[in-house]
Amino acid sequence: MKHLRDYGIYNIPGIERSLVLVPCGQNTYFLYDSEFGLRLPPRFHIAASGYINNWFEDFPVWTVNDLIDTGETYNESRFPAEKTN
């Protein structure tokens, strides 16, 4: 599988906003909308096979080879989690 940067910010062709890549297991990842950070559920899941699954579609459209690394890294201060008090 293509080398992916934990908490790297990536683009996918045809998706308007950038995505934050967060590890969730052995060679598996979640992709969160970079506008909202980790405050909302992930938009995509990357399986160990390298396929990117959209939560709202029945079949994978992309693979990790389609990811375009922006060179930026997720910063919690840029996308603070919502506080629940």
PDB file of N, CA and C in Angstrom:
ATOM      1  N   MET A   1       0.854  -1.179   0.000  1.00  0.00           N
ATOM      2  CA  MET A   1       0.000   0.000   0.000  1.00  0.00           C
ATOM      3  C   MET A   1       0.900   1.243   0.000  1.00  0.00           C
ATOM      4  N   LYS A   2       0.423   2.293  -0.625  1.00  0.00           N
ATOM      5  CA  LYS A   2       1.108   3.581  -0.671  1.00  0.00           C
ATOM      6  C   LYS A   2       1.359   4.087   0.749  1.00  0.00           C
ATOM      7  N   HIS A   3       2.512   4.711   0.980  1.00  0.00           N
ATOM      8  CA  HIS A   3       2.813   5.284   2.294  1.00  0.00           C
ATOM      9  C   HIS A   3       1.872   6.452   2.565  1.00  0.00           C
ATOM     10  N   LEU A   4       1.218   6.417   3.723  1.00  0.00           N
ATOM     11  CA  LEU A   4       0.303   7.480   4.120  1.00  0.00           C
ATOM     12  C   LEU A   4       0.807   8.108   5.413  1.00  0.00           C
ATOM     13  N   ARG A   5       0.626   9.415   5.522  1.00  0.00           N
ATOM     14  CA  ARG A   5       1.055  10.135   6.720  1.00  0.00           C
ATOM     15  C   ARG A   5      -0.094  10.232   7.719  1.00  0.00           C
ATOM     16  N   ASP A   6       0.130   9.712   8.938  1.00  0.00           N
ATOM     17  CA  ASP A   6      -0.872   9.855   9.991  1.00  0.00           C
ATOM     18  C   ASP A   6      -1.155  11.342  10.201  1.00  0.00           C
ATOM     19  N   TYR A   7      -2.409  11.698  10.191  1.00  0.00           N
ATOM     20  CA  TYR A   7      -2.890  13.062  10.377  1.00  0.00           C
ATOM     21  C   TYR A   7      -2.491  14.002   9.234  1.00  0.00           C
ATOM     22  N   GLY A   8      -2.095  13.426   8.106  1.00  0.00           N
ATOM     23  CA  GLY A   8      -1.827  14.218   6.916  1.00  0.00           C
ATOM     24  C   GLY A   8      -3.135  14.700   6.308  1.00  0.00           C
ATOM     25  N   ILE A   9      -3.065  15.787   5.567  1.00  0.00           N
ATOM     26  CA  ILE A   9      -4.252  16.316   4.897  1.00  0.00           C
ATOM     27  C   ILE A   9      -4.138  15.964   3.414  1.00  0.00           C
ATOM     28  N   TYR A  10      -5.195  15.328   2.906  1.00  0.00           N
ATOM     29  CA  TYR A  10      -5.198  14.793   1.548  1.00  0.00           C
ATOM     30  C   TYR A  10      -6.396  15.306   0.769  1.00  0.00           C
ATOM     31  N   ASN A  11      -6.274  15.262  -0.539  1.00  0.00           N
ATOM     32  CA  ASN A  11      -7.390  15.522  -1.448  1.00  0.00           C
ATOM     33  C   ASN A  11      -7.705  14.242  -2.207  1.00  0.00           C
ATOM     34  N   ILE A  12      -8.972  14.113  -2.584  1.00  0.00           N
ATOM     35  CA  ILE A  12      -9.421  13.015  -3.443  1.00  0.00           C
ATOM     36  C   ILE A  12     -10.060  13.669  -4.664  1.00  0.00           C
ATOM     37  N   PRO A  13      -9.711  13.239  -5.863  1.00  0.00           N
ATOM     38  CA  PRO A  13     -10.327  13.815  -7.062  1.00  0.00           C
ATOM     39  C   PRO A  13     -11.860  13.761  -6.983  1.00  0.00           C
ATOM     40  N   GLY A  14     -12.487  14.894  -7.264  1.00  0.00           N
ATOM     41  CA  GLY A  14     -13.942  14.962  -7.263  1.00  0.00           C
ATOM     42  C   GLY A  14     -14.549  15.309  -5.913  1.00  0.00           C
ATOM     43  N   ILE A  15     -13.733  15.389  -4.852  1.00  0.00           N
ATOM     44  CA  ILE A  15     -14.231  15.762  -3.522  1.00  0.00           C
ATOM     45  C   ILE A  15     -13.763  17.185  -3.254  1.00  0.00           C
ATOM     46  N   GLU A  16     -14.709  18.065  -2.936  1.00  0.00           N
ATOM     47  CA  GLU A  16     -14.417  19.494  -2.832  1.00  0.00           C
ATOM     48  C   GLU A  16     -13.461  19.838  -1.698  1.00  0.00           C
ATOM     49  N   ARG A  17     -13.694  19.306  -0.494  1.00  0.00           N
ATOM     50  CA  ARG A  17     -12.866  19.679   0.653  1.00  0.00           C
ATOM     51  C   ARG A  17     -11.782  18.652   0.919  1.00  0.00           C
ATOM     52  N   SER A  18     -10.687  19.128   1.499  1.00  0.00           N
ATOM     53  CA  SER A  18      -9.597  18.243   1.883  1.00  0.00           C
ATOM     54  C   SER A  18     -10.026  17.357   3.050  1.00  0.00           C
ATOM     55  N   LEU A  19      -9.253  16.283   3.254  1.00  0.00           N
ATOM     56  CA  LEU A  19      -9.579  15.295   4.269  1.00  0.00           C
ATOM     57  C   LEU A  19      -8.385  15.039   5.177  1.00  0.00           C
ATOM     58  N   VAL A  20      -8.661  14.781   6.456  1.00  0.00           N
ATOM     59  CA  VAL A  20      -7.629  14.464   7.439  1.00  0.00           C
ATOM     60  C   VAL A  20      -7.576  12.950   7.593  1.00  0.00           C
ATOM     61  N   LEU A  21      -6.391  12.364   7.450  1.00  0.00           N
ATOM     62  CA  LEU A  21      -6.205  10.922   7.544  1.00  0.00           C
ATOM     63  C   LEU A  21      -5.837  10.543   8.976  1.00  0.00           C
ATOM     64  N   VAL A  22      -6.659   9.697   9.604  1.00  0.00           N
ATOM     65  CA  VAL A  22      -6.460   9.294  10.999  1.00  0.00           C
ATOM     66  C   VAL A  22      -6.374   7.772  11.066  1.00  0.00           C
ATOM     67  N   PRO A  23      -5.290   7.233  11.650  1.00  0.00           N
ATOM     68  CA  PRO A  23      -5.166   5.772  11.741  1.00  0.00           C
ATOM     69  C   PRO A  23      -6.229   5.197  12.671  1.00  0.00           C
ATOM     70  N   CYS A  24      -6.732   4.002  12.322  1.00  0.00           N
ATOM     71  CA  CYS A  24      -7.742   3.352  13.177  1.00  0.00           C
ATOM     72  C   CYS A  24      -7.477   1.865  13.325  1.00  0.00           C
ATOM     73  N   GLY A  25      -6.308   1.398  12.925  1.00  0.00           N
ATOM     74  CA  GLY A  25      -5.969  -0.017  13.046  1.00  0.00           C
ATOM     75  C   GLY A  25      -4.819  -0.364  12.131  1.00  0.00           C
ATOM     76  N   GLN A  26      -4.533  -1.646  12.032  1.00  0.00           N
ATOM     77  CA  GLN A  26      -3.436  -2.131  11.189  1.00  0.00           C
ATOM     78  C   GLN A  26      -3.725  -1.819   9.721  1.00  0.00           C
ATOM     79  N   ASN A  27      -3.028  -0.822   9.169  1.00  0.00           N
ATOM     80  CA  ASN A  27      -3.195  -0.408   7.772  1.00  0.00           C
ATOM     81  C   ASN A  27      -4.623  -0.012   7.416  1.00  0.00           C
ATOM     82  N   THR A  28      -5.363   0.493   8.378  1.00  0.00           N
ATOM     83  CA  THR A  28      -6.700   1.018   8.120  1.00  0.00           C
ATOM     84  C   THR A  28      -6.774   2.438   8.672  1.00  0.00           C
ATOM     85  N   TYR A  29      -7.595   3.256   8.018  1.00  0.00           N
ATOM     86  CA  TYR A  29      -7.652   4.672   8.363  1.00  0.00           C
ATOM     87  C   TYR A  29      -9.070   5.195   8.190  1.00  0.00           C
ATOM     88  N   PHE A  30      -9.348   6.319   8.855  1.00  0.00           N
ATOM     89  CA  PHE A  30     -10.540   7.108   8.613  1.00  0.00           C
ATOM     90  C   PHE A  30     -10.100   8.402   7.953  1.00  0.00           C
ATOM     91  N   LEU A  31     -10.958   8.958   7.115  1.00  0.00           N
ATOM     92  CA  LEU A  31     -10.748  10.266   6.509  1.00  0.00           C
ATOM     93  C   LEU A  31     -11.863  11.189   6.980  1.00  0.00           C
ATOM     94  N   TYR A  32     -11.474  12.244   7.666  1.00  0.00           N
ATOM     95  CA  TYR A  32     -12.416  13.224   8.197  1.00  0.00           C
ATOM     96  C   TYR A  32     -12.381  14.479   7.336  1.00  0.00           C
ATOM     97  N   ASP A  33     -13.516  15.159   7.252  1.00  0.00           N
ATOM     98  CA  ASP A  33     -13.610  16.422   6.534  1.00  0.00           C
ATOM     99  C   ASP A  33     -12.712  17.444   7.234  1.00  0.00           C
ATOM    100  N   SER A  34     -11.778  18.045   6.506  1.00  0.00           N
ATOM    101  CA  SER A  34     -10.819  18.956   7.128  1.00  0.00           C
ATOM    102  C   SER A  34     -11.462  20.244   7.649  1.00  0.00           C
ATOM    103  N   GLU A  35     -12.628  20.598   7.136  1.00  0.00           N
ATOM    104  CA  GLU A  35     -13.290  21.810   7.617  1.00  0.00           C
ATOM    105  C   GLU A  35     -13.781  21.640   9.051  1.00  0.00           C
ATOM    106  N   PHE A  36     -14.150  20.415   9.418  1.00  0.00           N
ATOM    107  CA  PHE A  36     -14.710  20.169  10.737  1.00  0.00           C
ATOM    108  C   PHE A  36     -13.785  19.355  11.642  1.00  0.00           C
ATOM    109  N   GLY A  37     -12.704  18.834  11.099  1.00  0.00           N
ATOM    110  CA  GLY A  37     -11.773  18.038  11.899  1.00  0.00           C
ATOM    111  C   GLY A  37     -12.450  16.798  12.457  1.00  0.00           C
ATOM    112  N   LEU A  38     -12.154  16.495  13.711  1.00  0.00           N
ATOM    113  CA  LEU A  38     -12.664  15.269  14.321  1.00  0.00           C
ATOM    114  C   LEU A  38     -13.982  15.484  15.054  1.00  0.00           C
ATOM    115  N   ARG A  39     -14.605  16.642  14.869  1.00  0.00           N
ATOM    116  CA  ARG A  39     -15.877  16.930  15.539  1.00  0.00           C
ATOM    117  C   ARG A  39     -17.040  16.139  14.959  1.00  0.00           C
ATOM    118  N   LEU A  40     -16.934  15.736  13.693  1.00  0.00           N
ATOM    119  CA  LEU A  40     -17.990  14.968  13.040  1.00  0.00           C
ATOM    120  C   LEU A  40     -17.470  13.575  12.721  1.00  0.00           C
ATOM    121  N   PRO A  41     -18.366  12.619  12.496  1.00  0.00           N
ATOM    122  CA  PRO A  41     -17.909  11.271  12.105  1.00  0.00           C
ATOM    123  C   PRO A  41     -17.113  11.323  10.798  1.00  0.00           C
ATOM    124  N   PRO A  42     -16.275  10.319  10.565  1.00  0.00           N
ATOM    125  CA  PRO A  42     -15.486  10.306   9.333  1.00  0.00           C
ATOM    126  C   PRO A  42     -16.360  10.189   8.091  1.00  0.00           C
ATOM    127  N   ARG A  43     -15.860  10.712   6.972  1.00  0.00           N
ATOM    128  CA  ARG A  43     -16.571  10.609   5.695  1.00  0.00           C
ATOM    129  C   ARG A  43     -16.214   9.343   4.950  1.00  0.00           C
ATOM    130  N   PHE A  44     -14.961   8.852   5.158  1.00  0.00           N
ATOM    131  CA  PHE A  44     -14.478   7.691   4.423  1.00  0.00           C
ATOM    132  C   PHE A  44     -13.691   6.768   5.338  1.00  0.00           C
ATOM    133  N   HIS A  45     -13.601   5.519   4.925  1.00  0.00           N
ATOM    134  CA  HIS A  45     -12.767   4.522   5.607  1.00  0.00           C
ATOM    135  C   HIS A  45     -11.830   3.921   4.567  1.00  0.00           C
ATOM    136  N   ILE A  46     -10.547   3.807   4.938  1.00  0.00           N
ATOM    137  CA  ILE A  46      -9.583   3.148   4.063  1.00  0.00           C
ATOM    138  C   ILE A  46      -9.346   1.752   4.615  1.00  0.00           C
ATOM    139  N   ALA A  47      -9.699   0.743   3.833  1.00  0.00           N
ATOM    140  CA  ALA A  47      -9.522  -0.653   4.235  1.00  0.00           C
ATOM    141  C   ALA A  47      -8.062  -1.066   4.044  1.00  0.00           C
ATOM    142  N   ALA A  48      -7.659  -2.147   4.701  1.00  0.00           N
ATOM    143  CA  ALA A  48      -6.296  -2.672   4.570  1.00  0.00           C
ATOM    144  C   ALA A  48      -5.976  -3.009   3.113  1.00  0.00           C
ATOM    145  N   SER A  49      -6.989  -3.274   2.314  1.00  0.00           N
ATOM    146  CA  SER A  49      -6.797  -3.572   0.889  1.00  0.00           C
ATOM    147  C   SER A  49      -6.404  -2.335   0.087  1.00  0.00           C
ATOM    148  N   GLY A  50      -6.575  -1.142   0.696  1.00  0.00           N
ATOM    149  CA  GLY A  50      -6.266   0.105  -0.001  1.00  0.00           C
ATOM    150  C   GLY A  50      -7.469   0.782  -0.627  1.00  0.00           C
ATOM    151  N   TYR A  51      -8.628   0.131  -0.568  1.00  0.00           N
ATOM    152  CA  TYR A  51      -9.835   0.750  -1.105  1.00  0.00           C
ATOM    153  C   TYR A  51     -10.382   1.782  -0.136  1.00  0.00           C
ATOM    154  N   ILE A  52     -10.874   2.889  -0.697  1.00  0.00           N
ATOM    155  CA  ILE A  52     -11.474   3.955   0.099  1.00  0.00           C
ATOM    156  C   ILE A  52     -12.981   3.814  -0.019  1.00  0.00           C
ATOM    157  N   ASN A  53     -13.623   3.560   1.112  1.00  0.00           N
ATOM    158  CA  ASN A  53     -15.072   3.363   1.145  1.00  0.00           C
ATOM    159  C   ASN A  53     -15.759   4.617   1.668  1.00  0.00           C
ATOM    160  N   ASN A  54     -16.706   5.108   0.898  1.00  0.00           N
ATOM    161  CA  ASN A  54     -17.530   6.238   1.300  1.00  0.00           C
ATOM    162  C   ASN A  54     -18.647   5.695   2.178  1.00  0.00           C
ATOM    163  N   TRP A  55     -18.908   6.345   3.315  1.00  0.00           N
ATOM    164  CA  TRP A  55     -19.972   5.868   4.208  1.00  0.00           C
ATOM    165  C   TRP A  55     -21.327   5.869   3.514  1.00  0.00           C
ATOM    166  N   PHE A  56     -21.487   6.665   2.457  1.00  0.00           N
ATOM    167  CA  PHE A  56     -22.790   6.823   1.830  1.00  0.00           C
ATOM    168  C   PHE A  56     -22.925   6.082   0.502  1.00  0.00           C
ATOM    169  N   GLU A  57     -21.943   5.273   0.144  1.00  0.00           N
ATOM    170  CA  GLU A  57     -21.972   4.526  -1.117  1.00  0.00           C
ATOM    171  C   GLU A  57     -21.850   3.035  -0.815  1.00  0.00           C
ATOM    172  N   ASP A  58     -22.274   2.208  -1.742  1.00  0.00           N
ATOM    173  CA  ASP A  58     -22.223   0.768  -1.541  1.00  0.00           C
ATOM    174  C   ASP A  58     -20.910   0.139  -1.985  1.00  0.00           C
ATOM    175  N   PHE A  59     -20.146   0.830  -2.801  1.00  0.00           N
ATOM    176  CA  PHE A  59     -18.927   0.229  -3.325  1.00  0.00           C
ATOM    177  C   PHE A  59     -17.814   1.275  -3.355  1.00  0.00           C
ATOM    178  N   PRO A  60     -16.562   0.827  -3.245  1.00  0.00           N
ATOM    179  CA  PRO A  60     -15.449   1.792  -3.264  1.00  0.00           C
ATOM    180  C   PRO A  60     -15.247   2.380  -4.659  1.00  0.00           C
ATOM    181  N   VAL A  61     -14.946   3.662  -4.678  1.00  0.00           N
ATOM    182  CA  VAL A  61     -14.720   4.376  -5.929  1.00  0.00           C
ATOM    183  C   VAL A  61     -13.234   4.670  -6.112  1.00  0.00           C
ATOM    184  N   TRP A  62     -12.506   4.839  -4.997  1.00  0.00           N
ATOM    185  CA  TRP A  62     -11.102   5.221  -5.037  1.00  0.00           C
ATOM    186  C   TRP A  62     -10.243   4.203  -4.298  1.00  0.00           C
ATOM    187  N   THR A  63      -8.932   4.328  -4.513  1.00  0.00           N
ATOM    188  CA  THR A  63      -7.941   3.587  -3.731  1.00  0.00           C
ATOM    189  C   THR A  63      -6.959   4.605  -3.163  1.00  0.00           C
ATOM    190  N   VAL A  64      -6.053   4.143  -2.298  1.00  0.00           N
ATOM    191  CA  VAL A  64      -5.072   5.060  -1.717  1.00  0.00           C
ATOM    192  C   VAL A  64      -4.202   5.708  -2.797  1.00  0.00           C
ATOM    193  N   ASN A  65      -4.072   5.069  -3.944  1.00  0.00           N
ATOM    194  CA  ASN A  65      -3.288   5.665  -5.031  1.00  0.00           C
ATOM    195  C   ASN A  65      -3.924   6.937  -5.582  1.00  0.00           C
ATOM    196  N   ASP A  66      -5.223   7.134  -5.306  1.00  0.00           N
ATOM    197  CA  ASP A  66      -5.920   8.337  -5.752  1.00  0.00           C
ATOM    198  C   ASP A  66      -5.720   9.516  -4.798  1.00  0.00           C
ATOM    199  N   LEU A  67      -5.246   9.258  -3.575  1.00  0.00           N
ATOM    200  CA  LEU A  67      -5.052  10.326  -2.605  1.00  0.00           C
ATOM    201  C   LEU A  67      -3.923  11.253  -3.035  1.00  0.00           C
ATOM    202  N   ILE A  68      -4.159  12.548  -2.883  1.00  0.00           N
ATOM    203  CA  ILE A  68      -3.154  13.561  -3.202  1.00  0.00           C
ATOM    204  C   ILE A  68      -2.763  14.237  -1.897  1.00  0.00           C
ATOM    205  N   ASP A  69      -1.511  14.057  -1.499  1.00  0.00           N
ATOM    206  CA  ASP A  69      -1.008  14.634  -0.252  1.00  0.00           C
ATOM    207  C   ASP A  69      -0.801  16.133  -0.444  1.00  0.00           C
ATOM    208  N   THR A  70      -1.426  16.958   0.424  1.00  0.00           N
ATOM    209  CA  THR A  70      -1.275  18.410   0.330  1.00  0.00           C
ATOM    210  C   THR A  70       0.017  18.889   0.974  1.00  0.00           C
ATOM    211  N   GLY A  71       0.672  18.011   1.754  1.00  0.00           N
ATOM    212  CA  GLY A  71       1.876  18.402   2.476  1.00  0.00           C
ATOM    213  C   GLY A  71       1.573  19.017   3.824  1.00  0.00           C
ATOM    214  N   GLU A  72       0.290  19.279   4.103  1.00  0.00           N
ATOM    215  CA  GLU A  72      -0.118  19.832   5.393  1.00  0.00           C
ATOM    216  C   GLU A  72      -0.394  18.703   6.373  1.00  0.00           C
ATOM    217  N   THR A  73      -0.334  19.034   7.660  1.00  0.00           N
ATOM    218  CA  THR A  73      -0.615  18.072   8.714  1.00  0.00           C
ATOM    219  C   THR A  73      -1.714  18.640   9.609  1.00  0.00           C
ATOM    220  N   TYR A  74      -2.628  17.780  10.022  1.00  0.00           N
ATOM    221  CA  TYR A  74      -3.719  18.157  10.925  1.00  0.00           C
ATOM    222  C   TYR A  74      -3.142  18.785  12.182  1.00  0.00           C
ATOM    223  N   ASN A  75      -3.750  19.854  12.623  1.00  0.00           N
ATOM    224  CA  ASN A  75      -3.338  20.547  13.833  1.00  0.00           C
ATOM    225  C   ASN A  75      -4.579  20.756  14.679  1.00  0.00           C
ATOM    226  N   GLU A  76      -4.591  20.193  15.877  1.00  0.00           N
ATOM    227  CA  GLU A  76      -5.777  20.262  16.745  1.00  0.00           C
ATOM    228  C   GLU A  76      -6.207  21.707  16.989  1.00  0.00           C
ATOM    229  N   SER A  77      -5.256  22.642  17.069  1.00  0.00           N
ATOM    230  CA  SER A  77      -5.636  24.037  17.318  1.00  0.00           C
ATOM    231  C   SER A  77      -6.356  24.632  16.106  1.00  0.00           C
ATOM    232  N   ARG A  78      -6.053  24.084  14.918  1.00  0.00           N
ATOM    233  CA  ARG A  78      -6.731  24.555  13.707  1.00  0.00           C
ATOM    234  C   ARG A  78      -8.148  23.994  13.631  1.00  0.00           C
ATOM    235  N   PHE A  79      -8.322  22.761  14.111  1.00  0.00           N
ATOM    236  CA  PHE A  79      -9.625  22.106  14.089  1.00  0.00           C
ATOM    237  C   PHE A  79      -9.955  21.609  15.492  1.00  0.00           C
ATOM    238  N   PRO A  80     -10.218  22.494  16.442  1.00  0.00           N
ATOM    239  CA  PRO A  80     -10.449  22.039  17.815  1.00  0.00           C
ATOM    240  C   PRO A  80     -11.703  21.169  17.928  1.00  0.00           C
ATOM    241  N   ALA A  81     -11.604  20.141  18.759  1.00  0.00           N
ATOM    242  CA  ALA A  81     -12.763  19.287  19.021  1.00  0.00           C
ATOM    243  C   ALA A  81     -13.779  20.077  19.824  1.00  0.00           C
ATOM    244  N   GLU A  82     -15.056  19.792  19.616  1.00  0.00           N
ATOM    245  CA  GLU A  82     -16.096  20.471  20.361  1.00  0.00           C
ATOM    246  C   GLU A  82     -16.037  20.041  21.802  1.00  0.00           C
ATOM    247  N   LYS A  83     -16.158  20.988  22.719  1.00  0.00           N
ATOM    248  CA  LYS A  83     -16.130  20.654  24.138  1.00  0.00           C
ATOM    249  C   LYS A  83     -17.521  20.253  24.585  1.00  0.00           C
ATOM    250  N   THR A  84     -17.599  19.225  25.407  1.00  0.00           N
ATOM    251  CA  THR A  84     -18.894  18.772  25.928  1.00  0.00           C
ATOM    252  C   THR A  84     -18.844  18.840  27.434  1.00  0.00           C
ATOM    253  N   ASN A  85     -19.339  19.939  27.989  1.00  0.00           N
ATOM    254  CA  ASN A  85     -19.381  20.110  29.459  1.00  0.00           C
ATOM    255  C   ASN A  85     -20.791  20.205  29.933  1.00  0.00           C
TER     256      ASN A  85
END
